[in-house]
């Protein structure tokens, strides 16, 4: 028993040291604190079948912080449901509650309920049934999960013999804005062709912004022209929020020539 406690403490302390090293290299962020719960959980499950999964989750959390909410959720829910002892299941529940920082409260409630109930029940078949039941209830109450927002994307550009061409990715509810930067020198006449669709109404869908000027467009096809100088940025923004079973999307092509 004593050797097990020593091994558990060693794993937890090693995880804490890895967390400190991550902070030293990447800088401190409040959002990294839940990773401490994963390393604590790792020590609790050291002699169980789920150790390898929790260990992989801790590694992904260290290497790719962008996936931190999801790896914490996987480790926490798995431990609260499949943990051999009540201590492990309670630690899994605490790990799940640590990610409330990342998720809207409406999406977090079903996850916390599943984890808390699973931590209390000793019947493993009942615990396993809680996970699909919890997600079904979540879908019925708040719908299917929506996409995660990302930062604006800067479109690539090339200049050949005074002709400017942009490579613009698709704008949708996961990539809501694309920025087109002007070349570093010269005066440029720039055109952009917009094709917005995926909706069945005429409510404004796309915003085209250059400096303080903004043009709002409904779904459809439009071609616009601008004059740009170094320092200008043309922004193409989707104005529609995510709606389940809809597919709001903007396709754009752009180019120009030096005046």
Protein backbone atom coordinates (compact mmCIF):
# COMPACT_ATOMS: atom_id res chain seq x y z
CA UNK A 1 0.00 0.00 0.00
CA UNK A 2 2.84 2.35 0.88
CA UNK A 3 4.59 1.76 -2.46
CA UNK A 4 1.34 2.50 -4.30
CA UNK A 5 1.01 5.80 -2.48
CA UNK A 6 4.62 6.68 -3.33
CA UNK A 7 4.06 5.84 -7.01
CA UNK A 8 0.88 7.90 -7.07
CA UNK A 9 2.62 10.88 -5.49
CA UNK A 10 5.52 10.56 -7.94
CA UNK A 11 3.19 10.62 -10.95
CA UNK A 12 1.28 13.63 -9.61
CA UNK A 13 4.45 15.59 -8.81
CA UNK A 14 5.93 14.75 -12.23
CA UNK A 15 2.77 16.06 -13.85
CA UNK A 16 2.89 19.25 -11.79
CA UNK A 17 6.51 19.79 -12.84
CA UNK A 18 5.53 19.31 -16.51
CA UNK A 19 2.78 21.90 -16.03
CA UNK A 20 5.29 24.38 -14.55
CA UNK A 21 7.66 23.83 -17.49
CA UNK A 22 4.79 24.48 -19.91
CA UNK A 23 4.04 27.75 -18.10
CA UNK A 24 7.71 28.77 -18.28
CA UNK A 25 7.89 28.18 -22.05
CA UNK A 26 4.42 29.35 -23.09
CA UNK A 27 3.49 31.85 -20.38
CA UNK A 28 0.85 31.59 -17.70
CA UNK A 29 -2.81 31.36 -18.64
CA UNK A 30 -5.78 30.80 -16.33
CA UNK A 31 -7.10 28.35 -18.93
CA UNK A 32 -4.14 26.03 -18.24
CA UNK A 33 -5.11 25.51 -14.57
CA UNK A 34 -7.56 22.62 -15.31
CA UNK A 35 -4.57 20.61 -16.56
CA UNK A 36 -3.52 20.30 -12.91
CA UNK A 37 -6.68 18.27 -12.32
CA UNK A 38 -5.71 15.91 -15.15
CA UNK A 39 -2.28 15.28 -13.62
CA UNK A 40 -3.86 14.69 -10.22
CA UNK A 41 -6.30 12.28 -11.84
CA UNK A 42 -3.37 10.56 -13.58
CA UNK A 43 -1.92 9.66 -10.18
CA UNK A 44 -5.23 8.22 -9.01
CA UNK A 45 -5.61 5.92 -12.04
CA UNK A 46 -2.00 4.72 -12.19
CA UNK A 47 -2.92 1.06 -11.53
CA UNK A 48 -6.11 0.98 -13.63
CA UNK A 49 -6.99 0.19 -17.24
CA UNK A 50 -7.79 3.81 -18.07
CA UNK A 51 -4.30 5.06 -17.15
CA UNK A 52 -3.09 5.02 -20.78
CA UNK A 53 -6.04 7.13 -21.97
CA UNK A 54 -5.64 9.72 -19.21
CA UNK A 55 -1.88 9.77 -19.84
CA UNK A 56 -2.43 10.46 -23.56
CA UNK A 57 -4.88 13.23 -22.67
CA UNK A 58 -2.30 14.85 -20.40
CA UNK A 59 0.32 14.75 -23.16
CA UNK A 60 -2.04 16.29 -25.72
CA UNK A 61 -2.93 19.00 -23.20
CA UNK A 62 0.75 19.87 -22.81
CA UNK A 63 1.66 19.77 -26.50
CA UNK A 64 -1.50 21.31 -28.01
CA UNK A 65 -3.21 23.72 -25.55
CA UNK A 66 -5.91 24.46 -28.17
CA UNK A 67 -7.34 20.98 -27.51
CA UNK A 68 -7.17 21.35 -23.73
CA UNK A 69 -10.96 21.58 -23.08
CA UNK A 70 -11.62 18.40 -25.02
CA UNK A 71 -8.83 16.27 -23.53
CA UNK A 72 -9.86 17.36 -20.03
CA UNK A 73 -13.46 16.45 -20.81
CA UNK A 74 -12.44 13.01 -22.15
CA UNK A 75 -10.22 12.23 -19.16
CA UNK A 76 -12.77 13.48 -16.63
CA UNK A 77 -15.85 11.79 -18.05
CA UNK A 78 -14.02 8.52 -18.65
CA UNK A 79 -12.74 8.47 -15.07
CA UNK A 80 -16.06 9.43 -13.50
CA UNK A 81 -17.82 6.64 -15.42
CA UNK A 82 -15.21 3.85 -15.61
CA UNK A 83 -13.27 4.51 -12.42
CA UNK A 84 -12.83 1.43 -10.22
CA UNK A 85 -13.15 3.33 -6.94
CA UNK A 86 -15.28 6.20 -5.74
CA UNK A 87 -12.13 8.31 -5.19
CA UNK A 88 -11.26 8.02 -8.89
CA UNK A 89 -14.81 8.80 -9.93
CA UNK A 90 -15.01 11.85 -7.68
CA UNK A 91 -11.66 13.08 -9.04
CA UNK A 92 -13.06 12.60 -12.55
CA UNK A 93 -16.09 14.67 -11.59
CA UNK A 94 -13.85 17.47 -10.27
CA UNK A 95 -11.86 17.34 -13.51
CA UNK A 96 -15.04 17.81 -15.53
CA UNK A 97 -16.13 20.76 -13.39
CA UNK A 98 -12.75 22.43 -14.01
CA UNK A 99 -13.64 22.99 -17.68
CA UNK A 100 -16.70 25.13 -16.92
CA UNK A 101 -14.41 28.06 -17.76
CA UNK A 102 -14.38 26.96 -21.42
CA UNK A 103 -18.00 26.06 -22.13
CA UNK A 104 -21.29 28.01 -21.95
CA UNK A 105 -23.27 27.13 -18.84
CA UNK A 106 -26.11 25.65 -20.94
CA UNK A 107 -23.69 23.15 -22.50
CA UNK A 108 -21.88 22.44 -19.24
CA UNK A 109 -24.86 21.41 -17.10
CA UNK A 110 -25.45 18.01 -18.82
CA UNK A 111 -21.73 17.17 -18.62
CA UNK A 112 -21.51 18.00 -14.92
CA UNK A 113 -24.71 16.07 -14.16
CA UNK A 114 -23.45 12.97 -15.95
CA UNK A 115 -20.09 13.14 -14.16
CA UNK A 116 -21.60 13.76 -10.73
CA UNK A 117 -24.18 10.97 -11.00
CA UNK A 118 -21.60 8.53 -12.35
CA UNK A 119 -19.29 9.32 -9.44
CA UNK A 120 -22.02 8.41 -6.94
CA UNK A 121 -23.33 5.16 -8.42
CA UNK A 122 -21.50 1.88 -7.79
CA UNK A 123 -23.35 -0.07 -10.50
CA UNK A 124 -21.06 0.12 -13.55
CA UNK A 125 -23.82 -0.67 -16.05
CA UNK A 126 -25.87 2.23 -14.72
CA UNK A 127 -22.82 4.50 -14.93
CA UNK A 128 -22.13 3.51 -18.55
CA UNK A 129 -25.75 4.22 -19.51
CA UNK A 130 -25.49 7.75 -18.13
CA UNK A 131 -23.15 8.94 -20.89
CA UNK A 132 -25.42 8.32 -23.92
CA UNK A 133 -28.44 9.38 -21.87
CA UNK A 134 -26.72 12.62 -20.88
CA UNK A 135 -25.78 13.50 -24.45
CA UNK A 136 -29.27 12.68 -25.74
CA UNK A 137 -30.80 14.96 -23.11
CA UNK A 138 -28.24 17.64 -24.00
CA UNK A 139 -29.20 17.49 -27.68
CA UNK A 140 -32.90 17.68 -26.84
CA UNK A 141 -32.40 20.70 -24.56
CA UNK A 142 -29.75 22.76 -26.35
CA UNK A 143 -29.44 21.09 -29.78
CA UNK A 144 -26.45 19.67 -31.59
CA UNK A 145 -23.05 21.19 -30.84
CA UNK A 146 -22.08 24.15 -32.99
CA UNK A 147 -18.68 24.85 -34.50
CA UNK A 148 -15.93 26.51 -32.55
CA UNK A 149 -15.09 30.07 -33.57
CA UNK A 150 -11.56 30.73 -34.78
CA UNK A 151 -9.54 33.90 -35.28
CA UNK A 152 -9.77 35.84 -38.57
CA UNK A 153 -7.71 34.37 -41.40
CA UNK A 154 -5.38 36.45 -43.56
CA UNK A 155 -5.81 35.61 -47.23
CA UNK A 156 -2.70 34.77 -49.19
CA UNK A 157 -1.72 36.96 -52.14
CA UNK A 158 0.65 36.97 -55.11
CA UNK A 159 1.76 39.70 -57.52
CA UNK A 160 2.78 38.82 -61.07
CA UNK A 161 3.62 41.55 -63.61
CA UNK A 162 1.64 44.14 -61.65
CA UNK A 163 -1.42 41.87 -61.32
CA UNK A 164 -2.57 41.09 -57.79
CA UNK A 165 -4.32 37.79 -56.95
CA UNK A 166 -5.77 36.71 -53.60
CA UNK A 167 -6.35 33.18 -52.33
CA UNK A 168 -9.46 33.44 -50.13
CA UNK A 169 -10.66 30.47 -48.05
CA UNK A 170 -14.34 29.78 -47.59
CA UNK A 171 -16.02 31.98 -44.97
CA UNK A 172 -18.47 30.10 -42.74
CA UNK A 173 -19.57 29.83 -39.11
CA UNK A 174 -16.24 28.25 -38.17
CA UNK A 175 -14.18 30.84 -40.09
CA UNK A 176 -16.22 33.99 -39.76
CA UNK A 177 -13.81 36.56 -41.18
CA UNK A 178 -11.08 36.73 -43.80
CA UNK A 179 -8.71 39.71 -44.13
CA UNK A 180 -7.23 40.88 -47.45
CA UNK A 181 -4.16 43.03 -46.88
CA UNK A 182 -3.02 45.61 -49.42
CA UNK A 183 0.47 45.22 -50.96
CA UNK A 184 3.31 47.00 -49.16
CA UNK A 185 3.74 49.70 -51.80
CA UNK A 186 1.80 51.45 -54.53
CA UNK A 187 -1.82 52.36 -55.25
CA UNK A 188 -4.01 49.40 -56.22
CA UNK A 189 -7.41 48.97 -57.85
CA UNK A 190 -8.89 45.88 -56.19
CA UNK A 191 -12.05 43.97 -57.10
CA UNK A 192 -13.78 41.27 -55.10
CA UNK A 193 -16.56 38.90 -56.22
CA UNK A 194 -18.84 37.68 -53.43
CA UNK A 195 -21.16 34.67 -53.60
CA UNK A 196 -23.12 34.28 -50.33
CA UNK A 197 -25.63 31.50 -49.82
CA UNK A 198 -26.95 28.73 -47.64
CA UNK A 199 -29.93 30.77 -46.40
CA UNK A 200 -33.50 31.32 -47.59
CA UNK A 201 -34.14 34.94 -46.63
CA UNK A 202 -32.95 38.44 -47.52
CA UNK A 203 -31.61 39.39 -44.10
CA UNK A 204 -28.08 40.90 -44.34
CA UNK A 205 -25.52 38.13 -44.50
CA UNK A 206 -22.09 39.52 -45.38
CA UNK A 207 -20.20 42.63 -44.34
CA UNK A 208 -17.42 44.06 -46.51
CA UNK A 209 -15.29 46.55 -44.59
CA UNK A 210 -12.42 48.79 -45.71
CA UNK A 211 -11.24 51.23 -43.08
CA UNK A 212 -14.24 53.12 -41.71
CA UNK A 213 -16.46 52.18 -44.66
CA UNK A 214 -18.71 49.13 -44.49
CA UNK A 215 -21.12 47.61 -46.98
CA UNK A 216 -23.79 45.11 -45.89
CA UNK A 217 -24.89 42.48 -48.43
CA UNK A 218 -27.71 39.90 -48.46
CA UNK A 219 -27.32 36.42 -49.93
CA UNK A 220 -26.53 36.45 -53.62
CA UNK A 221 -23.75 37.39 -56.04
CA UNK A 222 -22.04 40.80 -55.98
CA UNK A 223 -18.86 42.29 -57.41
CA UNK A 224 -17.27 45.32 -55.74
CA UNK A 225 -14.29 47.55 -56.52
CA UNK A 226 -12.00 49.43 -54.15
CA UNK A 227 -8.84 51.51 -54.17
CA UNK A 228 -6.27 50.32 -51.64
CA UNK A 229 -2.96 51.70 -50.41
CA UNK A 230 -0.31 50.15 -48.12
CA UNK A 231 -1.77 49.64 -44.66
CA UNK A 232 -5.34 49.06 -45.88
CA UNK A 233 -7.14 45.83 -45.02
CA UNK A 234 -10.30 44.60 -46.71
CA UNK A 235 -12.39 42.40 -44.40
CA UNK A 236 -15.03 39.88 -45.48
CA UNK A 237 -17.22 38.94 -42.51
CA UNK A 238 -20.11 36.52 -42.12
CA UNK A 239 -22.89 38.19 -40.11
CA UNK A 240 -25.00 35.09 -39.51
CA UNK A 241 -24.72 33.12 -36.27
CA UNK A 242 -24.64 29.36 -36.32
CA UNK A 243 -28.07 27.80 -36.87
CA UNK A 244 -28.53 24.05 -36.79
CA UNK A 245 -29.32 22.39 -40.11
CA UNK A 246 -28.35 25.59 -42.01
CA UNK A 247 -25.15 26.14 -43.95
CA UNK A 248 -24.32 29.84 -44.19
CA UNK A 249 -21.29 30.27 -46.41
CA UNK A 250 -19.47 32.96 -48.41
CA UNK A 251 -17.27 32.19 -51.41
CA UNK A 252 -15.05 35.05 -52.56
CA UNK A 253 -12.46 35.67 -55.25
CA UNK A 254 -10.42 38.85 -55.53
CA UNK A 255 -7.65 40.45 -57.49
CA UNK A 256 -6.40 43.82 -58.70
CA UNK A 257 -3.79 45.76 -60.55
CA UNK A 258 -1.40 48.57 -59.72
CA UNK A 259 -2.43 52.06 -60.82
